[in-house]
Amino acid sequence: MLRTALAPLATTLLLLPLVAACSSDEPTADRTPTPSGNGSAEPGPTATPEPAPLTVGSFRYVSPCRLLGPDDVLELYAKPGPYADIAQEGIDSPEPADPLGNPVETQCWYRLSDKANTSVHLYADQYPSEQAARKEFRRTLRLGRGTLSKQIERDLRHDSPLADVLRALLEVQRENEAKGGGVLTPAIGEDISYVAGRGWFQALRGNLVIRLERSQYDSSPFDATSIRGTVKQSREAFRRIDERLADPDLDQTRIDPWWPTTNADGWAPFARVCDVLDDEVMAFGTGRTTPDALSEEGVLLRPQARYRRNSRPGSRAVSNRCERRQAGVADGETAMYADLQIWYAPPGYSGRELLDGAFVRAISGVDAEAKVSVDQWRSQGYLSDIDVAGADRAYTLTSEPDGKSDRWIAAQVGERVLILDISEYGDQSVSVPLGQLLAAMEAAIARLEDATG
């Protein structure tokens, strides 16, 4: 899931492939005659090899937002408001099978920002075996039947030394059944269940357990009325999902977050942020190549709507982000986490004006821009200016003046601001050494233009 914004500094700042080049034997001679008959041949173009498919164990990986894309959601559910965005989480490198049968959890979340505050959330839990997926799907159906709690109730009719234990178990089981019990819903699909306690429809598809949730008004789940009103809608959504799952060539990449054009109405050019925070940048920052998960949050669909807000550049700016974290870490080991945000200066503002406001809002929360200044942080020893290759201006911020705890770098590049955090986390989160973070930021800036457009 997306990492939440840190609390304001005033409260507590702490809350504040390589693909090896393949060599071939030297040719002894090219005996193929050429049209000119001079015995030499012009070298032909070298074909770029197709990337290997992404996999989860032995199964082909499915990118969740490709199963139900933005056009599907807008057609089936609602038209977007001015603050609509997309969050998507998945992988961009093969994931080995978990020996315990645990899934790779992926998801696609559309927040439509319409008058009804509609949210459409698609989860695709990708198991290393069909047996493991089937076991999880059947578990929800068993909970839906309530057979275990009924058995416990019968046992409690008789005096038993285990009566107290059974009473406690009964309460736990009733809660599990209420929250996780599924009931088949033939109106949606013969093999699709509805989990009332979670508000989602659930389907078993090979090694996948697919869950679809639509909510409105403060993310409240379906009720009986809304279920009846969305039978046709949900049935069609699963039909489209099944159609994409049947495509052996379904695109495995993330979808582009929403933005009408790459340079909409005078805004700074928009970049695909997870292409900026790529494998090499991660290697610079972490000091090692790590398998990772991705989470990407889209920018607003119509950013000009923010002109109704106050005049501070951070309030009018829009941003997108990419989170990458190491997956499949064994107990007792530490894992790597990286968070890159890219902020865009609105028309009429410069990147220099945005730098301070974006940094304050990203690190300390929405309201802090009007209350906390960068100069205050600098005077207290938390913030320092830093030279970053490719940046017009940059800061580094730490959550403690000793500089040994959480650390971020913010860099202005023209009309955009990049904010990078790379940490190693286990029992506690510890920032990587400043030199590694700096190298990663400089590598990210070098990739910014290639990821734009």
Protein backbone atom coordinates (compact mmCIF):
# COMPACT_ATOMS: atom_id res chain seq x y z
CA MET A 1 0.00 0.00 0.00
CA LEU A 2 1.04 3.61 -0.42
CA ARG A 3 3.13 5.03 2.39
CA THR A 4 1.25 7.81 4.14
CA ALA A 5 2.50 11.36 4.52
CA LEU A 6 4.57 12.07 7.62
CA ALA A 7 3.22 14.23 10.44
CA PRO A 8 4.19 17.92 10.62
CA LEU A 9 7.63 18.78 11.91
CA ALA A 10 6.09 20.99 14.56
CA THR A 11 4.74 17.83 16.19
CA THR A 12 7.61 15.47 15.50
CA LEU A 13 9.96 15.57 12.55
CA LEU A 14 10.67 11.88 12.86
CA LEU A 15 7.17 11.33 11.73
CA LEU A 16 8.31 13.96 9.62
CA PRO A 17 20.09 -6.13 -15.55
CA LEU A 18 22.47 -5.51 -16.07
CA VAL A 19 22.07 -7.81 -19.07
CA ALA A 20 25.47 -9.26 -19.77
CA ALA A 21 26.61 -8.48 -23.28
CA CYS A 22 26.59 -11.68 -25.23
CA SER A 23 29.76 -12.28 -27.19
CA SER A 24 30.00 -14.46 -30.24
CA ASP A 25 32.87 -16.04 -32.05
CA GLU A 26 34.58 -13.76 -34.53
CA PRO A 27 33.44 -14.60 -38.06
CA THR A 28 36.20 -15.86 -40.28
CA ALA A 29 34.74 -14.26 -43.39
CA ASP A 30 31.48 -13.18 -44.89
CA ARG A 31 31.17 -15.14 -48.12
CA THR A 32 27.73 -13.77 -48.99
CA PRO A 33 28.09 -11.83 -52.25
CA THR A 34 26.76 -8.28 -52.32
CA PRO A 35 24.98 -6.60 -55.23
CA SER A 36 28.19 -4.76 -56.10
CA GLY A 37 30.06 -8.06 -56.16
CA ASN A 38 32.93 -6.73 -54.01
CA GLY A 39 32.70 -9.61 -51.54
CA SER A 40 31.76 -7.48 -48.54
CA ALA A 41 28.37 -7.20 -46.90
CA GLU A 42 26.78 -4.27 -45.19
CA PRO A 43 25.90 -5.16 -41.59
CA GLY A 44 22.17 -5.55 -41.11
CA PRO A 45 20.22 -4.00 -38.25
CA THR A 46 20.42 -5.83 -34.96
CA ALA A 47 17.01 -6.85 -33.71
CA THR A 48 16.20 -5.80 -30.13
CA PRO A 49 15.31 -8.94 -28.19
CA GLU A 50 11.88 -9.06 -26.65
CA PRO A 51 11.97 -8.81 -22.85
CA ALA A 52 11.33 -12.06 -21.05
CA PRO A 53 7.79 -12.35 -19.62
CA LEU A 54 7.34 -11.52 -15.97
CA THR A 55 6.42 -14.52 -13.84
CA VAL A 56 5.22 -15.43 -10.39
CA GLY A 57 6.81 -18.81 -9.88
CA SER A 58 5.93 -20.71 -13.06
CA PHE A 59 2.85 -18.57 -13.82
CA ARG A 60 2.70 -15.57 -16.11
CA TYR A 61 2.34 -12.34 -14.12
CA VAL A 62 -0.79 -10.24 -14.64
CA SER A 63 -0.65 -6.46 -14.34
CA PRO A 64 -3.86 -5.64 -12.39
CA CYS A 65 -4.72 -2.36 -14.15
CA ARG A 66 -4.58 -4.20 -17.49
CA LEU A 67 -7.48 -6.41 -16.35
CA LEU A 68 -9.82 -3.48 -15.82
CA GLY A 69 -8.44 -0.36 -17.45
CA PRO A 70 -9.35 3.31 -17.04
CA ASP A 71 -11.70 3.25 -20.05
CA ASP A 72 -13.56 0.28 -18.54
CA VAL A 73 -13.96 2.02 -15.21
CA LEU A 74 -15.16 5.29 -16.71
CA GLU A 75 -17.66 3.47 -18.91
CA LEU A 76 -19.02 1.15 -16.23
CA TYR A 77 -18.89 3.17 -13.02
CA ALA A 78 -18.67 6.97 -13.17
CA LYS A 79 -17.19 9.98 -14.88
CA PRO A 80 -14.09 11.36 -13.15
CA GLY A 81 -14.01 14.56 -11.13
CA PRO A 82 -11.11 17.02 -10.98
CA TYR A 83 -9.10 15.04 -8.42
CA ALA A 84 -9.39 11.57 -9.97
CA ASP A 85 -6.28 9.42 -9.84
CA ILE A 86 -5.00 5.84 -10.04
CA ALA A 87 -2.81 3.84 -7.68
CA GLN A 88 -1.35 0.56 -8.90
CA GLU A 89 0.88 -1.99 -7.24
CA GLY A 90 2.72 -4.85 -8.85
CA ILE A 91 6.13 -6.17 -9.84
CA ASP A 92 8.59 -5.38 -12.60
CA SER A 93 10.92 -8.34 -12.17
CA PRO A 94 10.20 -12.09 -11.95
CA GLU A 95 9.04 -13.21 -8.52
CA PRO A 96 10.12 -16.67 -7.32
CA ALA A 97 7.50 -18.99 -5.89
CA ASP A 98 7.00 -18.50 -2.18
CA PRO A 99 7.78 -21.83 -0.47
CA LEU A 100 4.86 -21.32 1.93
CA GLY A 101 2.41 -20.72 -0.90
CA ASN A 102 1.85 -17.05 -0.12
CA PRO A 103 0.68 -14.86 -3.00
CA VAL A 104 2.17 -11.79 -4.62
CA GLU A 105 -0.45 -9.19 -3.74
CA THR A 106 -1.16 -6.75 -6.57
CA GLN A 107 -3.87 -4.15 -6.94
CA CYS A 108 -5.30 -1.33 -9.03
CA TRP A 109 -7.26 1.44 -7.33
CA TYR A 110 -9.31 4.07 -9.16
CA ARG A 111 -10.45 7.07 -7.12
CA LEU A 112 -12.87 8.90 -9.39
CA SER A 113 -13.47 12.04 -7.33
CA ASP A 114 -17.03 12.32 -8.61
CA LYS A 115 -19.96 13.65 -6.58
CA ALA A 116 -20.57 10.20 -5.08
CA ASN A 117 -16.87 9.75 -4.24
CA THR A 118 -16.78 6.50 -6.23
CA SER A 119 -13.82 4.22 -5.73
CA VAL A 120 -13.16 1.03 -7.72
CA HIS A 121 -10.56 -1.32 -6.26
CA LEU A 122 -9.32 -4.43 -8.06
CA TYR A 123 -7.10 -6.88 -6.19
CA ALA A 124 -5.29 -9.72 -7.95
CA ASP A 125 -3.59 -12.07 -5.47
CA GLN A 126 -1.20 -14.14 -7.59
CA TYR A 127 -0.39 -17.48 -5.97
CA PRO A 128 2.55 -19.75 -6.83
CA SER A 129 0.14 -22.64 -7.42
CA GLU A 130 -3.47 -23.16 -8.42
CA GLN A 131 -3.91 -25.35 -5.34
CA ALA A 132 -2.96 -22.48 -3.01
CA ALA A 133 -5.36 -20.11 -4.77
CA ARG A 134 -8.17 -22.65 -4.67
CA LYS A 135 -7.58 -23.23 -0.95
CA GLU A 136 -7.97 -19.52 -0.21
CA PHE A 137 -11.11 -19.16 -2.32
CA ARG A 138 -12.75 -22.18 -0.69
CA ARG A 139 -11.85 -20.86 2.75
CA THR A 140 -14.10 -17.84 2.26
CA LEU A 141 -16.96 -20.11 1.12
CA ARG A 142 -16.57 -22.26 4.23
CA LEU A 143 -16.67 -19.14 6.40
CA GLY A 144 -19.79 -18.04 4.56
CA ARG A 145 -21.58 -21.26 5.49
CA GLY A 146 -20.92 -20.69 9.20
CA THR A 147 -20.51 -24.41 9.85
CA LEU A 148 -17.78 -24.11 12.48
CA SER A 149 -19.57 -21.59 14.68
CA LYS A 150 -22.73 -23.72 14.54
CA GLN A 151 -20.72 -26.76 15.64
CA ILE A 152 -19.23 -24.80 18.54
CA GLU A 153 -22.71 -23.65 19.58
CA ARG A 154 -23.85 -27.28 19.69
CA ASP A 155 -20.83 -28.29 21.76
CA LEU A 156 -21.56 -25.53 24.27
CA ARG A 157 -24.94 -27.08 25.07
CA HIS A 158 -23.10 -29.71 27.09
CA ASP A 159 -21.00 -29.13 30.18
CA SER A 160 -17.36 -29.42 29.32
CA PRO A 161 -14.00 -28.43 30.80
CA LEU A 162 -13.39 -26.69 27.46
CA ALA A 163 -16.51 -24.53 27.67
CA ASP A 164 -14.61 -21.29 28.39
CA VAL A 165 -12.20 -21.98 25.55
CA LEU A 166 -15.09 -22.74 23.21
CA ARG A 167 -16.90 -19.52 24.11
CA ALA A 168 -13.82 -17.48 23.27
CA LEU A 169 -13.34 -19.43 20.06
CA LEU A 170 -16.97 -18.90 19.12
CA GLU A 171 -16.62 -15.10 19.27
CA VAL A 172 -13.49 -15.20 17.14
CA GLN A 173 -15.11 -17.50 14.62
CA ARG A 174 -18.25 -15.40 14.36
CA GLU A 175 -16.11 -12.35 13.63
CA ASN A 176 -14.16 -14.25 10.98
CA GLU A 177 -17.37 -15.41 9.32
CA ALA A 178 -18.86 -11.92 9.39
CA LYS A 179 -15.78 -10.32 7.86
CA GLY A 180 -14.44 -13.03 5.58
CA GLY A 181 -17.36 -15.25 4.69
CA GLY A 182 -18.26 -15.50 1.02
CA VAL A 183 -21.55 -16.54 -0.59
CA LEU A 184 -21.84 -17.47 -4.26
CA THR A 185 -23.74 -14.90 -6.32
CA PRO A 186 -25.12 -16.52 -9.51
CA ALA A 187 -26.49 -13.15 -10.64
CA ILE A 188 -22.88 -11.95 -11.06
CA GLY A 189 -21.38 -15.30 -12.00
CA GLU A 190 -21.86 -18.94 -11.05
CA ASP A 191 -18.33 -19.08 -9.63
CA ILE A 192 -18.18 -15.59 -8.08
CA SER A 193 -18.78 -15.04 -4.39
CA TYR A 194 -19.70 -11.93 -2.45
CA VAL A 195 -17.86 -11.25 0.82
CA ALA A 196 -20.28 -9.01 2.68
CA GLY A 197 -17.91 -8.08 5.50
CA ARG A 198 -15.38 -6.74 3.00
CA GLY A 199 -17.77 -5.40 0.40
CA TRP A 200 -16.15 -7.16 -2.56
CA PHE A 201 -16.90 -9.80 -5.16
CA GLN A 202 -14.34 -12.58 -5.41
CA ALA A 203 -13.47 -15.01 -8.20
CA LEU A 204 -11.00 -17.87 -8.58
CA ARG A 205 -9.11 -17.80 -11.87
CA GLY A 206 -6.35 -20.39 -12.10
CA ASN A 207 -3.61 -19.25 -9.73
CA LEU A 208 -5.35 -15.89 -9.18
CA VAL A 209 -7.89 -14.81 -6.61
CA ILE A 210 -9.54 -11.70 -8.09
CA ARG A 211 -11.44 -9.31 -5.82
CA LEU A 212 -13.49 -6.37 -7.09
CA GLU A 213 -14.81 -3.68 -4.78
CA ARG A 214 -16.81 -0.57 -5.60
CA SER A 215 -17.51 1.89 -2.85
CA GLN A 216 -19.10 5.32 -2.56
CA TYR A 217 -19.37 7.99 0.10
CA ASP A 218 -16.46 7.65 2.51
CA SER A 219 -15.54 4.22 1.10
CA SER A 220 -18.60 2.52 2.57
CA PRO A 221 -19.02 -0.96 1.04
CA PHE A 222 -21.94 -2.36 -0.90
CA ASP A 223 -25.21 -2.74 0.89
CA ALA A 224 -28.17 -4.83 -0.28
CA THR A 225 -29.63 -1.95 -2.29
CA SER A 226 -26.41 -1.05 -4.06
CA ILE A 227 -25.74 -4.69 -4.88
CA ARG A 228 -29.08 -4.96 -6.67
CA GLY A 229 -28.34 -1.74 -8.49
CA THR A 230 -24.96 -2.90 -9.78
CA VAL A 231 -25.55 -6.49 -10.84
CA LYS A 232 -25.25 -5.69 -14.54
CA GLN A 233 -22.26 -3.43 -13.88
CA SER A 234 -20.33 -6.03 -11.89
CA ARG A 235 -21.19 -8.86 -14.28
CA GLU A 236 -19.81 -6.85 -17.20
CA ALA A 237 -16.67 -5.94 -15.25
CA PHE A 238 -15.89 -9.63 -14.63
CA ARG A 239 -16.65 -10.45 -18.27
CA ARG A 240 -13.99 -7.97 -19.33
CA ILE A 241 -11.56 -9.24 -16.72
CA ASP A 242 -12.01 -12.82 -17.98
CA GLU A 243 -11.52 -11.66 -21.56
CA ARG A 244 -8.15 -10.08 -20.68
CA LEU A 245 -7.07 -13.10 -18.65
CA ALA A 246 -7.65 -15.29 -21.71
CA ASP A 247 -5.19 -13.17 -23.73
CA PRO A 248 -1.74 -14.87 -23.57
CA ASP A 249 -0.14 -11.64 -24.83
CA LEU A 250 -1.79 -9.29 -22.33
CA ASP A 251 0.52 -6.34 -21.66
CA GLN A 252 2.34 -6.86 -18.37
CA THR A 253 3.46 -3.27 -17.85
CA ARG A 254 1.85 -0.68 -15.63
CA ILE A 255 -0.62 1.67 -17.27
CA ASP A 256 0.25 5.35 -17.52
CA PRO A 257 -1.32 7.41 -14.72
CA TRP A 258 -3.89 9.92 -15.87
CA TRP A 259 -2.95 13.19 -17.48
CA PRO A 260 -4.61 14.54 -20.64
CA THR A 261 -1.34 15.49 -22.36
CA THR A 262 2.32 15.49 -21.42
CA ASN A 263 2.34 19.30 -21.20
CA ALA A 264 -1.22 20.23 -20.30
CA ASP A 265 -2.13 23.91 -20.27
CA GLY A 266 1.34 25.20 -19.50
CA TRP A 267 2.25 22.66 -16.84
CA ALA A 268 5.75 21.26 -16.54
CA PRO A 269 6.27 18.06 -18.59
CA PHE A 270 4.86 14.95 -16.93
CA ALA A 271 7.17 11.95 -16.34
CA ARG A 272 6.45 8.27 -15.71
CA VAL A 273 7.84 8.23 -12.22
CA CYS A 274 8.44 4.47 -11.93
CA ASP A 275 10.57 4.69 -15.08
CA VAL A 276 12.68 7.31 -13.30
CA LEU A 277 13.08 5.15 -10.19
CA ASP A 278 14.41 2.22 -12.21
CA ASP A 279 16.57 -0.79 -11.31
CA GLU A 280 19.84 1.09 -11.71
CA VAL A 281 18.72 3.98 -9.53
CA MET A 282 17.65 1.45 -6.89
CA ALA A 283 21.05 -0.23 -7.12
CA PHE A 284 22.82 3.11 -6.58
CA GLY A 285 20.66 3.87 -3.57
CA THR A 286 20.56 0.49 -1.88
CA GLY A 287 24.02 -0.78 -2.79
CA ARG A 288 22.50 -4.01 -4.07
CA THR A 289 20.08 -5.26 -6.65
CA THR A 290 16.83 -6.24 -4.96
CA PRO A 291 13.57 -7.79 -6.11
CA ASP A 292 10.87 -5.26 -5.49
CA ALA A 293 7.21 -4.36 -5.62
CA LEU A 294 5.90 -1.19 -7.21
CA SER A 295 3.22 1.23 -6.20
CA GLU A 296 2.40 4.17 -8.43
CA GLU A 297 -0.02 6.99 -7.74
CA GLY A 298 -1.34 8.97 -10.68
CA VAL A 299 -1.55 12.73 -10.95
CA LEU A 300 -4.87 14.54 -11.15
CA LEU A 301 -6.89 14.30 -14.30
CA ARG A 302 -7.61 18.03 -14.51
CA PRO A 303 -4.95 19.81 -12.46
CA GLN A 304 -6.17 23.29 -13.46
CA ALA A 305 -9.13 22.75 -11.13
CA ARG A 306 -6.76 23.47 -8.25
CA TYR A 307 -6.83 27.13 -9.17
CA ARG A 308 -9.82 27.40 -6.85
CA ARG A 309 -7.45 26.87 -3.92
CA ASN A 310 -5.13 29.32 -2.19
CA SER A 311 -2.16 30.92 -3.88
CA ARG A 312 0.68 28.89 -2.34
CA PRO A 313 2.54 26.99 -5.08
CA GLY A 314 2.61 23.75 -3.10
CA SER A 315 -1.19 23.82 -2.86
CA ARG A 316 -1.62 24.30 -6.59
CA ALA A 317 1.05 21.83 -7.61
CA VAL A 318 0.32 18.24 -8.54
CA SER A 319 2.55 15.24 -7.97
CA ASN A 320 2.94 11.57 -8.74
CA ARG A 321 5.03 9.01 -6.94
CA CYS A 322 6.59 5.57 -7.15
CA GLU A 323 7.31 3.31 -4.21
CA ARG A 324 9.57 0.29 -4.50
CA ARG A 325 10.25 -2.13 -1.69
CA GLN A 326 12.01 -5.41 -1.45
CA ALA A 327 9.68 -8.38 -1.54
CA GLY A 328 10.04 -11.83 0.00
CA VAL A 329 12.36 -10.87 2.85
CA ALA A 330 12.95 -13.62 5.41
CA ASP A 331 12.23 -13.07 9.10
CA GLY A 332 15.03 -11.22 10.82
CA GLU A 333 16.40 -9.70 7.61
CA THR A 334 16.20 -6.08 6.61
CA ALA A 335 14.60 -4.90 3.39
CA MET A 336 15.00 -1.90 1.14
CA TYR A 337 12.39 0.78 0.53
CA ALA A 338 12.44 3.73 -1.89
CA ASP A 339 9.93 6.51 -2.47
CA LEU A 340 10.29 9.01 -5.31
CA GLN A 341 7.82 11.89 -5.73
CA ILE A 342 7.85 14.26 -8.69
CA TRP A 343 6.07 17.58 -8.24
CA TYR A 344 5.07 19.84 -11.14
CA ALA A 345 5.02 23.64 -11.01
CA PRO A 346 1.64 25.05 -12.03
CA PRO A 347 1.44 27.72 -14.73
CA GLY A 348 2.69 31.05 -13.42
CA TYR A 349 5.07 29.52 -10.87
CA SER A 350 8.71 28.55 -11.16
CA GLY A 351 10.33 25.38 -9.96
CA ARG A 352 12.29 27.43 -7.43
CA GLU A 353 9.05 28.73 -5.90
CA LEU A 354 7.70 25.18 -5.81
CA LEU A 355 10.75 23.59 -4.18
CA ASP A 356 10.10 24.79 -0.65
CA GLY A 357 6.32 24.28 -0.74
CA ALA A 358 6.52 20.81 -2.28
CA PHE A 359 9.16 19.71 0.20
CA VAL A 360 7.18 20.94 3.20
CA ARG A 361 3.94 19.32 2.00
CA ALA A 362 5.57 16.01 1.05
CA ILE A 363 7.44 15.59 4.32
CA SER A 364 5.19 17.25 6.88
CA GLY A 365 1.66 17.18 5.54
CA VAL A 366 -0.82 19.31 3.66
CA ASP A 367 -1.25 22.08 6.23
CA ALA A 368 2.40 22.57 7.10
CA GLU A 369 3.27 24.80 4.15
CA ALA A 370 1.57 27.77 5.78
CA LYS A 371 3.11 27.10 9.21
CA VAL A 372 6.65 25.79 8.76
CA SER A 373 9.37 27.33 6.63
CA VAL A 374 12.45 25.72 5.18
CA ASP A 375 14.54 28.41 6.89
CA GLN A 376 13.25 27.23 10.29
CA TRP A 377 14.41 23.70 9.55
CA ARG A 378 17.76 24.96 8.32
CA SER A 379 18.37 27.07 11.44
CA GLN A 380 17.66 24.07 13.68
CA GLY A 381 20.14 21.83 11.87
CA TYR A 382 17.67 19.53 10.14
CA LEU A 383 18.06 20.87 6.62
CA SER A 384 21.15 21.60 4.55
CA ASP A 385 21.78 22.76 1.02
CA ILE A 386 23.48 20.14 -1.12
CA ASP A 387 25.03 20.06 -4.58
CA VAL A 388 23.29 17.57 -6.87
CA ALA A 389 24.46 17.08 -10.46
CA GLY A 390 21.73 18.08 -12.89
CA ALA A 391 19.70 20.01 -10.31
CA ASP A 392 19.22 23.79 -10.16
CA ARG A 393 18.97 23.67 -6.37
CA ALA A 394 18.67 20.91 -3.76
CA TYR A 395 18.20 20.24 -0.05
CA THR A 396 18.78 17.29 2.22
CA LEU A 397 16.60 16.89 5.31
CA THR A 398 17.06 14.58 8.28
CA SER A 399 14.67 13.75 11.11
CA GLU A 400 17.44 14.32 13.65
CA PRO A 401 20.17 16.98 13.59
CA ASP A 402 22.85 14.27 13.80
CA GLY A 403 21.88 13.23 10.27
CA LYS A 404 21.84 9.51 11.13
CA SER A 405 18.12 8.90 10.97
CA ASP A 406 15.56 9.21 8.15
CA ARG A 407 16.83 11.41 5.35
CA TRP A 408 15.36 12.86 2.15
CA ILE A 409 16.75 14.81 -0.78
CA ALA A 410 14.65 17.34 -2.69
CA ALA A 411 16.00 18.64 -5.99
CA GLN A 412 14.62 21.29 -8.33
CA VAL A 413 15.06 20.44 -12.02
CA GLY A 414 13.57 23.23 -14.08
CA GLU A 415 9.85 23.38 -13.33
CA ARG A 416 9.82 20.04 -11.52
CA VAL A 417 10.87 18.97 -8.04
CA LEU A 418 12.05 15.44 -7.20
CA ILE A 419 11.89 14.19 -3.60
CA LEU A 420 13.68 10.92 -2.85
CA ASP A 421 13.73 8.73 0.26
CA ILE A 422 15.62 5.41 0.35
CA SER A 423 15.65 3.46 3.59
CA GLU A 424 16.54 0.08 5.01
CA TYR A 425 13.84 -1.18 7.30
CA GLY A 426 13.46 -4.06 9.70
CA ASP A 427 12.73 -3.43 13.35
CA GLN A 428 13.21 0.26 12.50
CA SER A 429 13.73 2.39 9.42
CA VAL A 430 17.24 3.68 8.80
CA SER A 431 18.22 5.83 5.85
CA VAL A 432 20.97 4.68 3.56
CA PRO A 433 24.25 6.65 3.69
CA LEU A 434 24.02 10.12 2.18
CA GLY A 435 26.49 9.24 -0.58
CA GLN A 436 24.22 6.43 -1.82
CA LEU A 437 21.12 8.61 -1.66
CA LEU A 438 22.93 11.37 -3.57
CA ALA A 439 24.11 8.95 -6.27
CA ALA A 440 20.58 7.62 -6.65
CA MET A 441 19.11 11.13 -6.96
CA GLU A 442 21.65 12.10 -9.62
CA ALA A 443 20.90 8.91 -11.55
CA ALA A 444 17.15 9.63 -11.31
CA ILE A 445 17.64 13.15 -12.67
CA ALA A 446 19.65 11.72 -15.57
CA ARG A 447 16.65 9.49 -16.44
CA LEU A 448 14.02 12.21 -16.09
CA GLU A 449 13.86 13.30 -19.73
CA ASP A 450 13.79 9.73 -21.12
CA ALA A 451 10.78 9.04 -18.87
CA THR A 452 8.92 12.14 -20.03
CA GLY A 453 6.26 12.11 -22.71
